[in-house]
N, C-alpha and C. Protein backbone atom coordinates (compact mmCIF):
# COMPACT_ATOMS: atom_id res chain seq x y z
N UNK A 1 -11.21 7.55 -38.66
CA UNK A 1 -9.64 7.88 -38.34
C UNK A 1 -9.49 8.66 -36.89
N UNK A 2 -10.47 9.69 -36.90
CA UNK A 2 -10.21 10.46 -35.97
C UNK A 2 -10.59 10.04 -34.57
N UNK A 3 -11.35 8.89 -34.45
CA UNK A 3 -11.75 8.32 -33.17
C UNK A 3 -10.57 7.29 -33.04
N UNK A 4 -9.74 6.71 -34.03
CA UNK A 4 -8.61 6.12 -33.60
C UNK A 4 -7.41 6.89 -33.18
N UNK A 5 -7.31 8.14 -33.75
CA UNK A 5 -6.12 8.97 -33.21
C UNK A 5 -6.45 9.35 -31.72
N UNK A 6 -7.76 9.84 -31.34
CA UNK A 6 -7.92 10.25 -30.20
C UNK A 6 -7.78 8.88 -29.12
N UNK A 7 -8.06 7.69 -29.59
CA UNK A 7 -7.95 6.46 -28.63
C UNK A 7 -6.47 6.19 -28.39
N UNK A 8 -5.49 6.44 -29.40
CA UNK A 8 -4.26 6.18 -29.58
C UNK A 8 -3.49 7.36 -28.72
N UNK A 9 -3.92 8.45 -28.69
CA UNK A 9 -3.53 9.57 -27.87
C UNK A 9 -3.83 9.21 -26.30
N UNK A 10 -5.12 8.88 -26.05
CA UNK A 10 -5.41 8.60 -24.64
C UNK A 10 -4.59 7.45 -24.16
N UNK A 11 -4.34 6.30 -25.10
CA UNK A 11 -3.50 5.30 -24.73
C UNK A 11 -1.91 5.76 -24.34
N UNK A 12 -1.50 6.73 -25.17
CA UNK A 12 -0.14 7.19 -24.93
C UNK A 12 -0.22 8.04 -23.83
N UNK A 13 -1.05 8.83 -23.44
CA UNK A 13 -0.88 9.52 -22.27
C UNK A 13 -1.03 8.59 -20.99
N UNK A 14 -1.89 7.66 -21.06
CA UNK A 14 -2.13 6.71 -19.83
C UNK A 14 -0.61 6.00 -19.70
N UNK A 15 -0.07 5.63 -20.77
CA UNK A 15 1.17 4.80 -20.78
C UNK A 15 2.31 5.97 -20.04
N UNK A 16 2.36 7.26 -20.29
CA UNK A 16 3.23 8.17 -20.03
C UNK A 16 2.94 8.18 -18.50
N UNK A 17 1.46 8.54 -17.91
CA UNK A 17 1.25 8.52 -16.73
C UNK A 17 1.68 7.46 -15.91
N UNK A 18 1.59 6.22 -16.52
CA UNK A 18 2.07 4.81 -15.60
C UNK A 18 3.81 4.85 -15.80
N UNK A 19 4.31 5.35 -16.54
CA UNK A 19 5.69 5.58 -16.61
C UNK A 19 6.20 6.53 -15.55
N UNK A 20 5.79 7.76 -15.52
CA UNK A 20 5.75 8.81 -14.62
C UNK A 20 5.84 8.13 -12.96
N UNK A 21 4.61 7.41 -13.04
CA UNK A 21 4.47 6.67 -11.33
C UNK A 21 5.49 5.84 -11.13
N UNK A 22 5.90 4.90 -12.18
CA UNK A 22 6.86 4.10 -11.71
C UNK A 22 8.33 4.42 -11.52
N UNK A 23 8.58 5.64 -12.10
CA UNK A 23 10.01 6.11 -12.24
C UNK A 23 10.02 7.24 -10.83
N UNK A 24 9.07 7.25 -10.37
CA UNK A 24 8.72 8.43 -9.02
C UNK A 24 9.91 8.00 -8.00
N UNK A 25 10.54 8.91 -7.42
CA UNK A 25 11.39 8.97 -6.33
C UNK A 25 10.97 8.12 -5.29
N UNK A 26 9.50 8.17 -4.76
CA UNK A 26 9.09 7.72 -3.69
C UNK A 26 9.28 6.13 -3.80
N UNK A 27 9.19 5.57 -5.13
CA UNK A 27 9.14 4.09 -5.12
C UNK A 27 10.33 3.47 -5.01
N UNK A 28 11.56 4.12 -5.06
CA UNK A 28 13.03 3.63 -4.93
C UNK A 28 13.24 2.78 -4.01
N UNK A 29 12.75 2.91 -2.63
CA UNK A 29 12.85 1.76 -1.75
C UNK A 29 12.14 0.61 -1.92
N UNK A 30 11.31 0.51 -3.04
CA UNK A 30 10.70 -0.61 -3.46
C UNK A 30 11.31 -1.59 -4.61
N UNK A 31 12.30 -0.88 -4.97
CA UNK A 31 13.17 -1.95 -6.07
C UNK A 31 13.63 -3.24 -5.76
N UNK A 32 14.03 -3.35 -4.43
CA UNK A 32 14.42 -4.87 -4.14
C UNK A 32 13.23 -5.50 -4.33
N UNK A 33 12.07 -5.40 -4.30
CA UNK A 33 10.92 -6.06 -4.56
C UNK A 33 10.72 -6.51 -6.03
N UNK A 34 11.09 -5.54 -7.10
CA UNK A 34 11.31 -5.98 -8.38
C UNK A 34 12.50 -6.59 -8.59
N UNK A 35 13.71 -6.31 -7.90
CA UNK A 35 14.86 -7.41 -8.26
C UNK A 35 14.81 -8.80 -7.85
N UNK A 36 14.12 -8.94 -6.41
CA UNK A 36 14.26 -10.27 -5.89
C UNK A 36 12.89 -10.92 -5.84
N UNK A 37 11.91 -10.12 -5.85
CA UNK A 37 10.50 -10.54 -5.74
C UNK A 37 10.31 -10.55 -4.45
N UNK A 38 8.76 -10.58 -4.11
CA UNK A 38 8.05 -10.44 -2.78
C UNK A 38 9.00 -11.82 -1.83
N UNK A 39 9.05 -12.91 -2.64
CA UNK A 39 9.21 -13.80 -1.97
C UNK A 39 10.64 -14.00 -1.48
N UNK A 40 11.42 -13.64 -2.53
CA UNK A 40 12.91 -13.74 -2.39
C UNK A 40 13.35 -12.53 -1.09
N UNK A 41 12.70 -11.58 -1.01
CA UNK A 41 13.00 -10.34 -0.23
C UNK A 41 12.55 -10.90 1.21
N UNK A 42 11.40 -11.86 1.26
CA UNK A 42 10.88 -11.96 2.73
C UNK A 42 11.93 -13.32 3.08
N UNK A 43 12.43 -14.08 2.16
CA UNK A 43 13.30 -15.06 2.48
C UNK A 43 14.48 -14.61 2.95
N UNK A 44 14.94 -13.50 2.46
CA UNK A 44 16.30 -12.82 2.94
C UNK A 44 16.12 -12.28 4.33
N UNK A 45 14.92 -11.65 4.42
CA UNK A 45 14.76 -10.84 5.67
C UNK A 45 14.60 -12.27 6.64
N UNK A 46 14.02 -13.18 6.41
CA UNK A 46 13.82 -14.28 7.48
C UNK A 46 15.24 -14.98 7.96
N UNK A 47 16.05 -15.39 6.94
CA UNK A 47 17.29 -15.71 6.97
C UNK A 47 18.33 -14.81 7.94
N UNK A 48 17.96 -13.66 7.76
CA UNK A 48 18.76 -12.63 8.76
C UNK A 48 18.24 -12.31 9.93
N UNK A 49 17.01 -12.46 10.09
CA UNK A 49 16.15 -12.44 11.32
C UNK A 49 16.67 -13.67 12.21
N UNK A 50 16.42 -14.84 11.66
CA UNK A 50 16.91 -16.01 12.61
C UNK A 50 18.22 -16.15 12.66
N UNK A 51 19.26 -15.78 11.94
CA UNK A 51 20.61 -15.75 12.05
C UNK A 51 21.00 -14.61 13.25
N UNK A 52 20.37 -13.66 13.41
CA UNK A 52 20.72 -12.56 14.29
C UNK A 52 20.03 -13.04 15.52
N UNK A 53 18.77 -13.66 15.68
CA UNK A 53 18.51 -14.37 16.91
C UNK A 53 19.38 -15.58 17.46
N UNK A 54 20.24 -16.49 16.26
CA UNK A 54 20.78 -17.37 16.76
C UNK A 54 22.09 -16.79 17.51
N UNK A 55 22.63 -15.85 16.79
CA UNK A 55 23.91 -15.02 17.49
C UNK A 55 23.67 -14.26 18.54
N UNK A 56 22.46 -14.26 19.16
CA UNK A 56 21.86 -13.59 20.56
C UNK A 56 22.23 -12.15 20.22
N UNK A 57 21.59 -11.57 19.20
CA UNK A 57 21.55 -10.19 18.80
C UNK A 57 19.64 -9.86 18.58
N UNK A 58 19.11 -10.31 19.87
CA UNK A 58 17.79 -10.20 19.72
C UNK A 58 17.18 -8.68 19.41
N UNK A 59 18.06 -7.51 20.06
CA UNK A 59 17.37 -6.26 19.77
C UNK A 59 17.74 -5.81 18.25
N UNK A 60 18.93 -6.32 17.74
CA UNK A 60 18.98 -6.11 16.16
C UNK A 60 18.06 -6.90 15.37
N UNK A 61 17.64 -8.05 15.84
CA UNK A 61 16.54 -8.88 15.13
C UNK A 61 15.25 -8.14 15.20
N UNK A 62 14.76 -7.49 16.18
CA UNK A 62 13.72 -6.89 16.61
C UNK A 62 13.72 -5.65 15.66
N UNK A 63 14.59 -4.78 15.64
CA UNK A 63 14.72 -3.69 14.62
C UNK A 63 14.45 -3.97 13.21
N UNK A 64 15.21 -5.16 12.83
CA UNK A 64 15.11 -5.73 11.36
C UNK A 64 13.46 -6.05 11.32
N UNK A 65 12.95 -6.75 12.12
CA UNK A 65 11.64 -7.17 11.93
C UNK A 65 10.70 -5.80 11.98
N UNK A 66 11.20 -4.91 12.48
CA UNK A 66 10.13 -3.70 12.52
C UNK A 66 10.51 -2.83 11.18
N UNK A 67 11.49 -2.98 10.69
CA UNK A 67 12.11 -2.42 9.40
C UNK A 67 11.56 -2.89 8.40
N UNK A 68 11.29 -4.51 8.40
CA UNK A 68 10.82 -5.02 7.42
C UNK A 68 9.20 -4.72 7.27
N UNK A 69 8.35 -4.63 8.60
CA UNK A 69 7.16 -4.55 8.72
C UNK A 69 6.74 -3.15 8.02
N UNK A 70 7.72 -1.86 8.49
CA UNK A 70 7.42 -0.54 7.81
C UNK A 70 7.65 -0.58 6.40
N UNK A 71 8.70 -1.17 5.98
CA UNK A 71 8.80 -1.53 4.20
C UNK A 71 7.54 -2.13 3.64
N UNK A 72 6.94 -3.23 4.51
CA UNK A 72 5.53 -3.87 3.79
C UNK A 72 4.65 -3.01 3.65
N UNK A 73 4.14 -2.30 4.90
CA UNK A 73 3.31 -1.16 4.81
C UNK A 73 3.69 -0.18 3.83
N UNK A 74 5.05 0.29 3.76
CA UNK A 74 5.06 1.38 2.68
C UNK A 74 5.00 0.96 1.18
N UNK A 75 5.13 -0.40 0.92
CA UNK A 75 4.84 -1.06 -0.20
C UNK A 75 3.56 -0.93 -0.49
N UNK A 76 2.69 -1.12 0.42
CA UNK A 76 1.10 -1.20 0.14
C UNK A 76 0.30 0.09 -0.19
N UNK A 77 1.08 1.44 0.62
CA UNK A 77 0.33 2.41 0.79
C UNK A 77 1.00 3.43 -0.25
N UNK A 78 2.29 3.50 -0.65
CA UNK A 78 2.90 4.52 -1.29
C UNK A 78 2.46 4.37 -2.87
N UNK A 79 2.50 3.19 -3.24
CA UNK A 79 2.10 3.09 -4.83
C UNK A 79 0.49 3.53 -4.91
N UNK A 80 -0.11 3.15 -3.90
CA UNK A 80 -1.76 3.56 -4.03
C UNK A 80 -1.78 4.89 -3.91
N UNK A 81 -1.25 5.73 -3.14
CA UNK A 81 -1.40 7.21 -2.98
C UNK A 81 -0.84 7.85 -4.16
N UNK A 82 0.37 7.36 -4.72
CA UNK A 82 0.93 8.06 -5.91
C UNK A 82 -0.04 7.71 -7.24
N UNK A 83 -0.81 6.55 -7.27
CA UNK A 83 -1.78 6.44 -8.32
C UNK A 83 -3.12 7.47 -8.17
N UNK A 84 -3.43 7.57 -6.86
CA UNK A 84 -4.48 8.81 -6.71
C UNK A 84 -3.69 10.28 -6.65
N UNK A 85 -2.69 10.47 -6.52
CA UNK A 85 -2.43 11.69 -6.75
C UNK A 85 -1.97 12.09 -8.11
N UNK A 86 -1.00 11.23 -8.87
CA UNK A 86 -0.60 11.41 -10.03
C UNK A 86 -1.45 11.00 -11.19
């Protein structure tokens, strides 16, 4: 019984840690990935990118591409860092 209680407490502590990481304020910019999925977000950016290029707004399309690249790198790095720190 004692081993089972310790196991349950460890499981509960790990779940609380995962919940704390998932609700961290640094992960708020990644919420669109959860809402639309990675493919949906990529598709939305591609539609906007080609629309801006079609409308001859190439500098704005370049800024959009840069913002998307930064968001992708952010989505790889920040969750990993939070798991290491918290």
